[in-house]
């Protein structure tokens, strides 16, 4: 997406940009990563895809349905 992400021990620092670009992500089975990538994608230029996005069911099963209710265009592949 164009942001720089620095992970160390117990923190994450994200140095973003004014305009993010759509990207393909893999949540690696982490519901928090899947939701964070989805939210970041809302402000990105272009399309994004999230592999293993079904993991959001762990903490927020209605997450994608709620995004759709807000007008977000989603597709399932």
PDB file of N, CA and C in Angstrom:
ATOM      1  N   UNK A   1       0.817  -1.192   0.000  1.00  0.00           N
ATOM      2  CA  UNK A   1       0.000   0.000   0.000  1.00  0.00           C
ATOM      3  C   UNK A   1       0.862   1.256   0.000  1.00  0.00           C
ATOM      4  N   UNK A   2       2.115   1.099   0.314  1.00  0.00           N
ATOM      5  CA  UNK A   2       3.013   2.228   0.298  1.00  0.00           C
ATOM      6  C   UNK A   2       3.436   2.728   1.665  1.00  0.00           C
ATOM      7  N   UNK A   3       2.868   2.180   2.718  1.00  0.00           N
ATOM      8  CA  UNK A   3       3.257   2.592   4.068  1.00  0.00           C
ATOM      9  C   UNK A   3       4.448   1.747   4.524  1.00  0.00           C
ATOM     10  N   UNK A   4       5.222   2.302   5.431  1.00  0.00           N
ATOM     11  CA  UNK A   4       6.326   1.545   6.031  1.00  0.00           C
ATOM     12  C   UNK A   4       5.867   1.043   7.386  1.00  0.00           C
ATOM     13  N   UNK A   5       6.085  -0.233   7.636  1.00  0.00           N
ATOM     14  CA  UNK A   5       5.657  -0.842   8.890  1.00  0.00           C
ATOM     15  C   UNK A   5       6.868  -1.422   9.589  1.00  0.00           C
ATOM     16  N   UNK A   6       7.041  -1.039  10.833  1.00  0.00           N
ATOM     17  CA  UNK A   6       8.166  -1.514  11.639  1.00  0.00           C
ATOM     18  C   UNK A   6       7.603  -2.271  12.834  1.00  0.00           C
ATOM     19  N   UNK A   7       7.952  -3.547  12.947  1.00  0.00           N
ATOM     20  CA  UNK A   7       7.476  -4.392  14.037  1.00  0.00           C
ATOM     21  C   UNK A   7       8.658  -4.749  14.921  1.00  0.00           C
ATOM     22  N   UNK A   8       8.478  -4.568  16.221  1.00  0.00           N
ATOM     23  CA  UNK A   8       9.532  -4.918  17.168  1.00  0.00           C
ATOM     24  C   UNK A   8       8.898  -5.317  18.485  1.00  0.00           C
ATOM     25  N   UNK A   9       9.255  -6.469  18.966  1.00  0.00           N
ATOM     26  CA  UNK A   9       8.758  -6.999  20.244  1.00  0.00           C
ATOM     27  C   UNK A   9       7.264  -6.759  20.416  1.00  0.00           C
ATOM     28  N   UNK A  10       6.908  -5.747  21.206  1.00  0.00           N
ATOM     29  CA  UNK A  10       5.494  -5.559  21.538  1.00  0.00           C
ATOM     30  C   UNK A  10       4.891  -4.286  20.950  1.00  0.00           C
ATOM     31  N   UNK A  11       5.447  -3.776  19.841  1.00  0.00           N
ATOM     32  CA  UNK A  11       4.834  -2.605  19.228  1.00  0.00           C
ATOM     33  C   UNK A  11       4.963  -2.643  17.715  1.00  0.00           C
ATOM     34  N   UNK A  12       4.083  -1.876  17.066  1.00  0.00           N
ATOM     35  CA  UNK A  12       4.107  -1.706  15.618  1.00  0.00           C
ATOM     36  C   UNK A  12       4.058  -0.205  15.344  1.00  0.00           C
ATOM     37  N   UNK A  13       4.959   0.278  14.514  1.00  0.00           N
ATOM     38  CA  UNK A  13       4.928   1.682  14.090  1.00  0.00           C
ATOM     39  C   UNK A  13       4.638   1.689  12.591  1.00  0.00           C
ATOM     40  N   UNK A  14       3.657   2.487  12.209  1.00  0.00           N
ATOM     41  CA  UNK A  14       3.286   2.592  10.803  1.00  0.00           C
ATOM     42  C   UNK A  14       3.516   4.030  10.354  1.00  0.00           C
ATOM     43  N   UNK A  15       4.394   4.187   9.383  1.00  0.00           N
ATOM     44  CA  UNK A  15       4.644   5.488   8.775  1.00  0.00           C
ATOM     45  C   UNK A  15       3.887   5.503   7.457  1.00  0.00           C
ATOM     46  N   UNK A  16       2.743   6.143   7.473  1.00  0.00           N
ATOM     47  CA  UNK A  16       1.867   6.123   6.307  1.00  0.00           C
ATOM     48  C   UNK A  16       2.213   7.182   5.282  1.00  0.00           C
ATOM     49  N   UNK A  17       1.406   7.198   4.249  1.00  0.00           N
ATOM     50  CA  UNK A  17       1.522   8.173   3.175  1.00  0.00           C
ATOM     51  C   UNK A  17       0.160   8.830   3.026  1.00  0.00           C
ATOM     52  N   UNK A  18       0.139   9.939   2.326  1.00  0.00           N
ATOM     53  CA  UNK A  18      -1.143  10.613   2.092  1.00  0.00           C
ATOM     54  C   UNK A  18      -2.066   9.749   1.250  1.00  0.00           C
ATOM     55  N   UNK A  19      -1.521   9.040   0.286  1.00  0.00           N
ATOM     56  CA  UNK A  19      -2.348   8.219  -0.584  1.00  0.00           C
ATOM     57  C   UNK A  19      -1.816   6.798  -0.609  1.00  0.00           C
ATOM     58  N   UNK A  20      -2.648   5.871  -0.156  1.00  0.00           N
ATOM     59  CA  UNK A  20      -2.276   4.458  -0.174  1.00  0.00           C
ATOM     60  C   UNK A  20      -2.735   3.834  -1.482  1.00  0.00           C
ATOM     61  N   UNK A  21      -2.055   2.801  -1.905  1.00  0.00           N
ATOM     62  CA  UNK A  21      -2.409   2.083  -3.125  1.00  0.00           C
ATOM     63  C   UNK A  21      -3.010   0.734  -2.759  1.00  0.00           C
ATOM     64  N   UNK A  22      -4.008   0.299  -3.515  1.00  0.00           N
ATOM     65  CA  UNK A  22      -4.603  -1.015  -3.303  1.00  0.00           C
ATOM     66  C   UNK A  22      -3.533  -2.093  -3.356  1.00  0.00           C
ATOM     67  N   UNK A  23      -3.754  -3.175  -2.626  1.00  0.00           N
ATOM     68  CA  UNK A  23      -2.755  -4.246  -2.550  1.00  0.00           C
ATOM     69  C   UNK A  23      -3.441  -5.568  -2.242  1.00  0.00           C
ATOM     70  N   UNK A  24      -2.683  -6.637  -2.307  1.00  0.00           N
ATOM     71  CA  UNK A  24      -3.160  -7.964  -1.910  1.00  0.00           C
ATOM     72  C   UNK A  24      -2.498  -8.318  -0.591  1.00  0.00           C
ATOM     73  N   UNK A  25      -3.309  -8.770   0.348  1.00  0.00           N
ATOM     74  CA  UNK A  25      -2.838  -9.089   1.688  1.00  0.00           C
ATOM     75  C   UNK A  25      -3.128 -10.540   2.021  1.00  0.00           C
ATOM     76  N   UNK A  26      -2.411 -11.070   2.981  1.00  0.00           N
ATOM     77  CA  UNK A  26      -2.741 -12.359   3.580  1.00  0.00           C
ATOM     78  C   UNK A  26      -2.811 -12.128   5.076  1.00  0.00           C
ATOM     79  N   UNK A  27      -3.957 -12.431   5.646  1.00  0.00           N
ATOM     80  CA  UNK A  27      -4.141 -12.195   7.085  1.00  0.00           C
ATOM     81  C   UNK A  27      -3.363 -13.184   7.936  1.00  0.00           C
ATOM     82  N   UNK A  28      -2.889 -14.261   7.319  1.00  0.00           N
ATOM     83  CA  UNK A  28      -2.186 -15.324   8.041  1.00  0.00           C
ATOM     84  C   UNK A  28      -3.016 -15.826   9.213  1.00  0.00           C
ATOM     85  N   UNK A  29      -4.339 -15.789   9.038  1.00  0.00           N
ATOM     86  CA  UNK A  29      -5.245 -16.322  10.058  1.00  0.00           C
ATOM     87  C   UNK A  29      -5.467 -15.398  11.238  1.00  0.00           C
ATOM     88  N   UNK A  30      -5.024 -14.145  11.163  1.00  0.00           N
ATOM     89  CA  UNK A  30      -5.191 -13.207  12.270  1.00  0.00           C
ATOM     90  C   UNK A  30      -6.357 -12.265  11.956  1.00  0.00           C
ATOM     91  N   UNK A  31      -7.408 -12.361  12.747  1.00  0.00           N
ATOM     92  CA  UNK A  31      -8.614 -11.570  12.521  1.00  0.00           C
ATOM     93  C   UNK A  31      -8.338 -10.070  12.600  1.00  0.00           C
ATOM     94  N   UNK A  32      -7.419  -9.673  13.440  1.00  0.00           N
ATOM     95  CA  UNK A  32      -7.094  -8.243  13.581  1.00  0.00           C
ATOM     96  C   UNK A  32      -6.416  -7.716  12.326  1.00  0.00           C
ATOM     97  N   UNK A  33      -5.537  -8.517  11.754  1.00  0.00           N
ATOM     98  CA  UNK A  33      -4.847  -8.117  10.522  1.00  0.00           C
ATOM     99  C   UNK A  33      -5.859  -7.993   9.381  1.00  0.00           C
ATOM    100  N   UNK A  34      -6.761  -8.962   9.271  1.00  0.00           N
ATOM    101  CA  UNK A  34      -7.761  -8.926   8.203  1.00  0.00           C
ATOM    102  C   UNK A  34      -8.620  -7.671   8.299  1.00  0.00           C
ATOM    103  N   UNK A  35      -9.074  -7.321   9.492  1.00  0.00           N
ATOM    104  CA  UNK A  35      -9.915  -6.135   9.653  1.00  0.00           C
ATOM    105  C   UNK A  35      -9.118  -4.849   9.426  1.00  0.00           C
ATOM    106  N   UNK A  36      -7.895  -4.795   9.915  1.00  0.00           N
ATOM    107  CA  UNK A  36      -7.064  -3.605   9.719  1.00  0.00           C
ATOM    108  C   UNK A  36      -6.784  -3.379   8.235  1.00  0.00           C
ATOM    109  N   UNK A  37      -6.495  -4.438   7.508  1.00  0.00           N
ATOM    110  CA  UNK A  37      -6.239  -4.315   6.072  1.00  0.00           C
ATOM    111  C   UNK A  37      -7.499  -3.866   5.339  1.00  0.00           C
ATOM    112  N   UNK A  38      -8.645  -4.385   5.747  1.00  0.00           N
ATOM    113  CA  UNK A  38      -9.905  -3.978   5.124  1.00  0.00           C
ATOM    114  C   UNK A  38     -10.155  -2.492   5.341  1.00  0.00           C
ATOM    115  N   UNK A  39      -9.949  -2.018   6.548  1.00  0.00           N
ATOM    116  CA  UNK A  39     -10.169  -0.601   6.845  1.00  0.00           C
ATOM    117  C   UNK A  39      -9.165   0.269   6.095  1.00  0.00           C
ATOM    118  N   UNK A  40      -7.910  -0.124   6.053  1.00  0.00           N
ATOM    119  CA  UNK A  40      -6.905   0.638   5.311  1.00  0.00           C
ATOM    120  C   UNK A  40      -7.260   0.690   3.830  1.00  0.00           C
ATOM    121  N   UNK A  41      -7.831  -0.370   3.323  1.00  0.00           N
ATOM    122  CA  UNK A  41      -8.200  -0.436   1.913  1.00  0.00           C
ATOM    123  C   UNK A  41      -9.298   0.559   1.554  1.00  0.00           C
ATOM    124  N   UNK A  42     -10.095   0.941   2.529  1.00  0.00           N
ATOM    125  CA  UNK A  42     -11.184   1.879   2.256  1.00  0.00           C
ATOM    126  C   UNK A  42     -10.671   3.216   1.739  1.00  0.00           C
ATOM    127  N   UNK A  43      -9.499   3.609   2.178  1.00  0.00           N
ATOM    128  CA  UNK A  43      -8.940   4.882   1.754  1.00  0.00           C
ATOM    129  C   UNK A  43      -7.889   4.757   0.672  1.00  0.00           C
ATOM    130  N   UNK A  44      -7.718   3.576   0.127  1.00  0.00           N
ATOM    131  CA  UNK A  44      -6.664   3.341  -0.859  1.00  0.00           C
ATOM    132  C   UNK A  44      -7.170   3.557  -2.280  1.00  0.00           C
ATOM    133  N   UNK A  45      -6.267   3.932  -3.150  1.00  0.00           N
ATOM    134  CA  UNK A  45      -6.549   4.065  -4.576  1.00  0.00           C
ATOM    135  C   UNK A  45      -6.406   2.678  -5.201  1.00  0.00           C
ATOM    136  N   UNK A  46      -7.431   2.202  -5.884  1.00  0.00           N
ATOM    137  CA  UNK A  46      -7.386   0.892  -6.526  1.00  0.00           C
ATOM    138  C   UNK A  46      -7.991  -0.181  -5.645  1.00  0.00           C
ATOM    139  N   UNK A  47      -8.003  -1.374  -6.170  1.00  0.00           N
ATOM    140  CA  UNK A  47      -8.619  -2.506  -5.470  1.00  0.00           C
ATOM    141  C   UNK A  47      -7.628  -3.195  -4.545  1.00  0.00           C
ATOM    142  N   UNK A  48      -8.186  -3.814  -3.517  1.00  0.00           N
ATOM    143  CA  UNK A  48      -7.391  -4.623  -2.593  1.00  0.00           C
ATOM    144  C   UNK A  48      -8.061  -5.978  -2.445  1.00  0.00           C
ATOM    145  N   UNK A  49      -7.260  -6.977  -2.107  1.00  0.00           N
ATOM    146  CA  UNK A  49      -7.768  -8.323  -1.854  1.00  0.00           C
ATOM    147  C   UNK A  49      -7.152  -8.827  -0.556  1.00  0.00           C
ATOM    148  N   UNK A  50      -7.968  -9.515   0.238  1.00  0.00           N
ATOM    149  CA  UNK A  50      -7.498 -10.044   1.519  1.00  0.00           C
ATOM    150  C   UNK A  50      -7.702 -11.551   1.522  1.00  0.00           C
ATOM    151  N   UNK A  51      -6.617 -12.294   1.498  1.00  0.00           N
ATOM    152  CA  UNK A  51      -6.696 -13.747   1.576  1.00  0.00           C
ATOM    153  C   UNK A  51      -6.899 -14.157   3.035  1.00  0.00           C
ATOM    154  N   UNK A  52      -7.637 -15.218   3.242  1.00  0.00           N
ATOM    155  CA  UNK A  52      -7.939 -15.726   4.579  1.00  0.00           C
ATOM    156  C   UNK A  52      -8.725 -14.718   5.409  1.00  0.00           C
ATOM    157  N   UNK A  53      -9.588 -13.970   4.750  1.00  0.00           N
ATOM    158  CA  UNK A  53     -10.374 -12.941   5.442  1.00  0.00           C
ATOM    159  C   UNK A  53     -11.471 -13.523   6.327  1.00  0.00           C
ATOM    160  N   UNK A  54     -11.812 -14.788   6.105  1.00  0.00           N
ATOM    161  CA  UNK A  54     -12.868 -15.414   6.915  1.00  0.00           C
ATOM    162  C   UNK A  54     -12.504 -15.481   8.390  1.00  0.00           C
ATOM    163  N   UNK A  55     -11.260 -15.241   8.700  1.00  0.00           N
ATOM    164  CA  UNK A  55     -10.806 -15.275  10.086  1.00  0.00           C
ATOM    165  C   UNK A  55     -11.453 -14.190  10.946  1.00  0.00           C
ATOM    166  N   UNK A  56     -12.053 -13.160  10.318  1.00  0.00           N
ATOM    167  CA  UNK A  56     -12.710 -12.109  11.108  1.00  0.00           C
ATOM    168  C   UNK A  56     -13.834 -12.678  11.961  1.00  0.00           C
ATOM    169  N   UNK A  57     -14.349 -13.844  11.593  1.00  0.00           N
ATOM    170  CA  UNK A  57     -15.436 -14.472  12.355  1.00  0.00           C
ATOM    171  C   UNK A  57     -15.047 -14.748  13.803  1.00  0.00           C
ATOM    172  N   UNK A  58     -13.766 -14.806  14.074  1.00  0.00           N
ATOM    173  CA  UNK A  58     -13.300 -15.072  15.439  1.00  0.00           C
ATOM    174  C   UNK A  58     -13.784 -14.003  16.410  1.00  0.00           C
ATOM    175  N   UNK A  59     -13.756 -12.739  15.985  1.00  0.00           N
ATOM    176  CA  UNK A  59     -14.134 -11.669  16.905  1.00  0.00           C
ATOM    177  C   UNK A  59     -15.296 -10.805  16.422  1.00  0.00           C
ATOM    178  N   UNK A  60     -15.588 -10.814  15.109  1.00  0.00           N
ATOM    179  CA  UNK A  60     -16.613  -9.925  14.564  1.00  0.00           C
ATOM    180  C   UNK A  60     -17.207 -10.577  13.317  1.00  0.00           C
ATOM    181  N   UNK A  61     -18.039 -11.598  13.509  1.00  0.00           N
ATOM    182  CA  UNK A  61     -18.569 -12.350  12.368  1.00  0.00           C
ATOM    183  C   UNK A  61     -19.311 -11.501  11.335  1.00  0.00           C
ATOM    184  N   UNK A  62     -19.895 -10.391  11.744  1.00  0.00           N
ATOM    185  CA  UNK A  62     -20.671  -9.545  10.837  1.00  0.00           C
ATOM    186  C   UNK A  62     -19.838  -8.426  10.205  1.00  0.00           C
ATOM    187  N   UNK A  63     -18.538  -8.446  10.383  1.00  0.00           N
ATOM    188  CA  UNK A  63     -17.676  -7.348   9.941  1.00  0.00           C
ATOM    189  C   UNK A  63     -17.908  -6.972   8.480  1.00  0.00           C
ATOM    190  N   UNK A  64     -17.813  -7.918   7.572  1.00  0.00           N
ATOM    191  CA  UNK A  64     -17.944  -7.598   6.156  1.00  0.00           C
ATOM    192  C   UNK A  64     -19.381  -7.246   5.787  1.00  0.00           C
ATOM    193  N   UNK A  65     -20.361  -7.857   6.434  1.00  0.00           N
ATOM    194  CA  UNK A  65     -21.752  -7.488   6.195  1.00  0.00           C
ATOM    195  C   UNK A  65     -21.990  -6.044   6.628  1.00  0.00           C
ATOM    196  N   UNK A  66     -21.402  -5.643   7.752  1.00  0.00           N
ATOM    197  CA  UNK A  66     -21.558  -4.272   8.223  1.00  0.00           C
ATOM    198  C   UNK A  66     -20.877  -3.284   7.280  1.00  0.00           C
ATOM    199  N   UNK A  67     -19.713  -3.644   6.741  1.00  0.00           N
ATOM    200  CA  UNK A  67     -19.066  -2.776   5.753  1.00  0.00           C
ATOM    201  C   UNK A  67     -19.969  -2.613   4.526  1.00  0.00           C
ATOM    202  N   UNK A  68     -20.564  -3.705   4.080  1.00  0.00           N
ATOM    203  CA  UNK A  68     -21.456  -3.640   2.921  1.00  0.00           C
ATOM    204  C   UNK A  68     -22.661  -2.740   3.212  1.00  0.00           C
ATOM    205  N   UNK A  69     -23.193  -2.790   4.418  1.00  0.00           N
ATOM    206  CA  UNK A  69     -24.321  -1.930   4.793  1.00  0.00           C
ATOM    207  C   UNK A  69     -23.932  -0.452   4.736  1.00  0.00           C
ATOM    208  N   UNK A  70     -22.654  -0.173   4.932  1.00  0.00           N
ATOM    209  CA  UNK A  70     -22.163   1.198   4.866  1.00  0.00           C
ATOM    210  C   UNK A  70     -21.870   1.642   3.421  1.00  0.00           C
ATOM    211  N   UNK A  71     -22.058   0.744   2.473  1.00  0.00           N
ATOM    212  CA  UNK A  71     -21.858   1.076   1.073  1.00  0.00           C
ATOM    213  C   UNK A  71     -20.545   0.620   0.483  1.00  0.00           C
ATOM    214  N   UNK A  72     -19.756  -0.127   1.226  1.00  0.00           N
ATOM    215  CA  UNK A  72     -18.491  -0.634   0.715  1.00  0.00           C
ATOM    216  C   UNK A  72     -18.770  -1.752  -0.279  1.00  0.00           C
ATOM    217  N   UNK A  73     -18.156  -1.676  -1.453  1.00  0.00           N
ATOM    218  CA  UNK A  73     -18.317  -2.714  -2.460  1.00  0.00           C
ATOM    219  C   UNK A  73     -17.365  -3.856  -2.179  1.00  0.00           C
ATOM    220  N   UNK A  74     -17.910  -5.040  -1.949  1.00  0.00           N
ATOM    221  CA  UNK A  74     -17.119  -6.220  -1.622  1.00  0.00           C
ATOM    222  C   UNK A  74     -17.400  -7.321  -2.636  1.00  0.00           C
ATOM    223  N   UNK A  75     -16.432  -8.176  -2.853  1.00  0.00           N
ATOM    224  CA  UNK A  75     -16.672  -9.371  -3.661  1.00  0.00           C
ATOM    225  C   UNK A  75     -15.943 -10.534  -3.013  1.00  0.00           C
ATOM    226  N   UNK A  76     -16.516 -11.700  -3.174  1.00  0.00           N
ATOM    227  CA  UNK A  76     -15.941 -12.917  -2.605  1.00  0.00           C
ATOM    228  C   UNK A  76     -15.427 -13.766  -3.753  1.00  0.00           C
ATOM    229  N   UNK A  77     -14.193 -14.192  -3.651  1.00  0.00           N
ATOM    230  CA  UNK A  77     -13.614 -15.037  -4.699  1.00  0.00           C
ATOM    231  C   UNK A  77     -13.171 -16.347  -4.133  1.00  0.00           C
TER     232      UNK A  77
END
